[in-house]
Every structure is written in structure tokens, then in C-alpha cells.
């Protein structure tokens, strides 16, 4: 089960980095279900909420 969760979070990271999909859609596409579920698991695993993670990549692209 942990392996599957890790894969889902990796897909969510990829989508947050490379797409403009809303967080709720990222959750659906990555298999995490809801935006709330994505936010909870992502923040626990990565240390920052998905929206902050995405902002860090947008800032890097602009700079």
C-alpha cells in the first residue's frame, strides 16, 4: 500500500510541476481522490501544501 501511495504522490508532484490543472483535478488524475486528501498526504510527505509546491516551480520558471 505504501508503494502505491508513493507512486500517486510522485504523479501529483509531476502534475503540479508541469500542468495548470486545479489541485482537485490533480488529486483525481493521480489517484488520490479529493483535493483534501491530496493536501493532507502531500503536506505530510513533502512538507509543504501542494499550492506552495506549485508556486515554487512557477517562480523558478519566471526567474
N, C-alpha and C. Protein backbone atom coordinates (compact mmCIF):
# COMPACT_ATOMS: atom_id res chain seq x y z
N UNK A 1 0.82 -1.20 0.00
CA UNK A 1 0.00 0.00 0.00
C UNK A 1 0.87 1.27 0.00
N UNK A 2 1.97 1.23 0.75
CA UNK A 2 2.87 2.38 0.80
C UNK A 2 3.46 2.68 -0.58
N UNK A 3 3.81 1.63 -1.32
CA UNK A 3 4.37 1.82 -2.66
C UNK A 3 3.37 2.57 -3.54
N UNK A 4 2.12 2.17 -3.49
CA UNK A 4 1.08 2.80 -4.30
C UNK A 4 0.92 4.27 -3.92
N UNK A 5 0.91 4.56 -2.65
CA UNK A 5 0.80 5.94 -2.18
C UNK A 5 1.98 6.78 -2.67
N UNK A 6 3.16 6.21 -2.63
CA UNK A 6 4.36 6.90 -3.11
C UNK A 6 4.24 7.21 -4.60
N UNK A 7 3.73 6.27 -5.38
CA UNK A 7 3.56 6.48 -6.81
C UNK A 7 2.52 7.56 -7.09
N UNK A 8 1.45 7.55 -6.35
CA UNK A 8 0.41 8.57 -6.52
C UNK A 8 0.95 9.96 -6.19
N UNK A 9 1.72 10.07 -5.13
CA UNK A 9 2.30 11.36 -4.76
C UNK A 9 3.33 11.81 -5.79
N UNK A 10 4.07 10.88 -6.36
CA UNK A 10 5.03 11.24 -7.40
C UNK A 10 4.30 11.79 -8.63
N UNK A 11 3.19 11.17 -8.98
CA UNK A 11 2.39 11.66 -10.12
C UNK A 11 1.81 13.04 -9.80
N UNK A 12 1.35 13.23 -8.60
CA UNK A 12 0.82 14.54 -8.20
C UNK A 12 1.90 15.60 -8.29
N UNK A 13 3.11 15.28 -7.85
CA UNK A 13 4.23 16.24 -7.94
C UNK A 13 4.49 16.61 -9.40
N UNK A 14 4.51 15.61 -10.24
CA UNK A 14 4.75 15.85 -11.67
C UNK A 14 3.68 16.77 -12.25
N UNK A 15 2.43 16.51 -11.93
CA UNK A 15 1.34 17.34 -12.45
C UNK A 15 1.40 18.76 -11.89
N UNK A 16 1.76 18.90 -10.64
CA UNK A 16 1.87 20.23 -10.04
C UNK A 16 3.02 21.01 -10.69
N UNK A 17 4.08 20.33 -11.03
CA UNK A 17 5.24 20.98 -11.65
C UNK A 17 4.98 21.38 -13.10
N UNK A 18 4.25 20.54 -13.83
CA UNK A 18 4.19 20.69 -15.29
C UNK A 18 2.84 21.07 -15.86
N UNK A 19 1.82 21.19 -15.04
CA UNK A 19 0.50 21.50 -15.58
C UNK A 19 -0.15 22.65 -14.81
N UNK A 20 -1.23 23.13 -15.36
CA UNK A 20 -2.03 24.16 -14.69
C UNK A 20 -3.34 23.59 -14.15
N UNK A 21 -3.41 22.28 -14.03
CA UNK A 21 -4.63 21.66 -13.52
C UNK A 21 -4.91 22.13 -12.10
N UNK A 22 -6.18 22.34 -11.78
CA UNK A 22 -6.52 22.67 -10.39
C UNK A 22 -6.14 21.52 -9.45
N UNK A 23 -5.90 21.84 -8.21
CA UNK A 23 -5.48 20.84 -7.23
C UNK A 23 -6.48 19.68 -7.15
N UNK A 24 -7.76 19.98 -7.21
CA UNK A 24 -8.76 18.91 -7.16
C UNK A 24 -8.62 17.95 -8.34
N UNK A 25 -8.32 18.48 -9.49
CA UNK A 25 -8.13 17.65 -10.69
C UNK A 25 -6.83 16.85 -10.58
N UNK A 26 -5.78 17.46 -10.06
CA UNK A 26 -4.53 16.74 -9.83
C UNK A 26 -4.78 15.55 -8.92
N UNK A 27 -5.58 15.75 -7.89
CA UNK A 27 -5.91 14.66 -6.96
C UNK A 27 -6.62 13.52 -7.69
N UNK A 28 -7.57 13.85 -8.52
CA UNK A 28 -8.31 12.83 -9.28
C UNK A 28 -7.39 12.07 -10.22
N UNK A 29 -6.62 12.81 -11.01
CA UNK A 29 -5.77 12.19 -12.02
C UNK A 29 -4.68 11.32 -11.39
N UNK A 30 -4.17 11.74 -10.26
CA UNK A 30 -3.08 11.00 -9.62
C UNK A 30 -3.60 9.83 -8.77
N UNK A 31 -4.89 9.72 -8.62
CA UNK A 31 -5.45 8.60 -7.87
C UNK A 31 -5.63 8.85 -6.39
N UNK A 32 -5.49 10.11 -5.98
CA UNK A 32 -5.65 10.44 -4.56
C UNK A 32 -7.06 10.86 -4.20
N UNK A 33 -7.93 10.91 -5.17
CA UNK A 33 -9.34 11.17 -4.91
C UNK A 33 -9.70 12.63 -4.85
N UNK A 34 -9.67 13.20 -3.67
CA UNK A 34 -10.13 14.58 -3.47
C UNK A 34 -8.95 15.52 -3.21
N UNK A 35 -9.22 16.80 -3.40
CA UNK A 35 -8.21 17.80 -3.10
C UNK A 35 -7.80 17.77 -1.64
N UNK A 36 -8.76 17.56 -0.77
CA UNK A 36 -8.45 17.50 0.67
C UNK A 36 -7.51 16.33 0.98
N UNK A 37 -7.77 15.20 0.35
CA UNK A 37 -6.92 14.04 0.55
C UNK A 37 -5.51 14.29 0.01
N UNK A 38 -5.44 14.90 -1.17
CA UNK A 38 -4.14 15.25 -1.74
C UNK A 38 -3.40 16.20 -0.81
N UNK A 39 -4.05 17.24 -0.35
CA UNK A 39 -3.40 18.21 0.53
C UNK A 39 -2.86 17.56 1.80
N UNK A 40 -3.65 16.69 2.39
CA UNK A 40 -3.24 16.02 3.64
C UNK A 40 -2.01 15.14 3.41
N UNK A 41 -2.07 14.26 2.42
CA UNK A 41 -0.96 13.33 2.18
C UNK A 41 0.26 14.03 1.62
N UNK A 42 0.05 14.99 0.73
CA UNK A 42 1.15 15.71 0.11
C UNK A 42 1.92 16.51 1.15
N UNK A 43 1.20 17.23 1.98
CA UNK A 43 1.85 18.05 3.01
C UNK A 43 2.62 17.18 3.98
N UNK A 44 2.07 16.05 4.34
CA UNK A 44 2.75 15.14 5.26
C UNK A 44 4.03 14.59 4.62
N UNK A 45 3.97 14.23 3.33
CA UNK A 45 5.11 13.61 2.66
C UNK A 45 6.18 14.62 2.23
N UNK A 46 5.75 15.78 1.74
CA UNK A 46 6.67 16.74 1.14
C UNK A 46 7.05 17.86 2.10
N UNK A 47 6.15 18.19 3.00
CA UNK A 47 6.44 19.24 3.98
C UNK A 47 5.83 20.58 3.66
N UNK A 48 5.24 20.70 2.47
CA UNK A 48 4.55 21.94 2.08
C UNK A 48 3.25 21.56 1.37
N UNK A 49 2.24 22.43 1.43
CA UNK A 49 1.00 22.16 0.72
C UNK A 49 1.22 22.17 -0.80
N UNK A 50 0.37 21.49 -1.54
CA UNK A 50 0.52 21.43 -2.99
C UNK A 50 0.59 22.80 -3.68
N UNK A 51 -0.19 23.75 -3.23
CA UNK A 51 -0.20 25.07 -3.88
C UNK A 51 1.14 25.77 -3.69
N UNK A 52 1.76 25.63 -2.53
CA UNK A 52 3.08 26.23 -2.30
C UNK A 52 4.15 25.51 -3.12
N UNK A 53 4.02 24.21 -3.23
CA UNK A 53 4.94 23.43 -4.05
C UNK A 53 4.87 23.90 -5.50
N UNK A 54 3.67 24.08 -6.01
CA UNK A 54 3.49 24.54 -7.39
C UNK A 54 4.07 25.94 -7.56
N UNK A 55 3.83 26.83 -6.63
CA UNK A 55 4.36 28.20 -6.71
C UNK A 55 5.87 28.22 -6.81
N UNK A 56 6.53 27.31 -6.11
CA UNK A 56 7.99 27.28 -6.16
C UNK A 56 8.48 26.94 -7.56
N UNK A 57 7.75 26.15 -8.31
CA UNK A 57 8.14 25.82 -9.67
C UNK A 57 7.80 26.93 -10.64
N UNK A 58 6.73 27.61 -10.40
CA UNK A 58 6.36 28.76 -11.25
C UNK A 58 7.38 29.88 -11.08
N UNK A 59 7.80 30.12 -9.85
CA UNK A 59 8.79 31.17 -9.59
C UNK A 59 10.11 30.83 -10.26
N UNK A 60 10.48 29.56 -10.26
CA UNK A 60 11.72 29.15 -10.89
C UNK A 60 11.66 29.32 -12.41
N UNK A 61 10.49 29.10 -13.01
CA UNK A 61 10.35 29.26 -14.46
C UNK A 61 10.44 30.72 -14.88
N UNK A 62 9.93 31.61 -14.04
CA UNK A 62 9.94 33.04 -14.36
C UNK A 62 11.34 33.62 -14.20
N UNK A 63 12.05 33.16 -13.21
CA UNK A 63 13.40 33.71 -12.92
C UNK A 63 14.43 33.36 -13.95
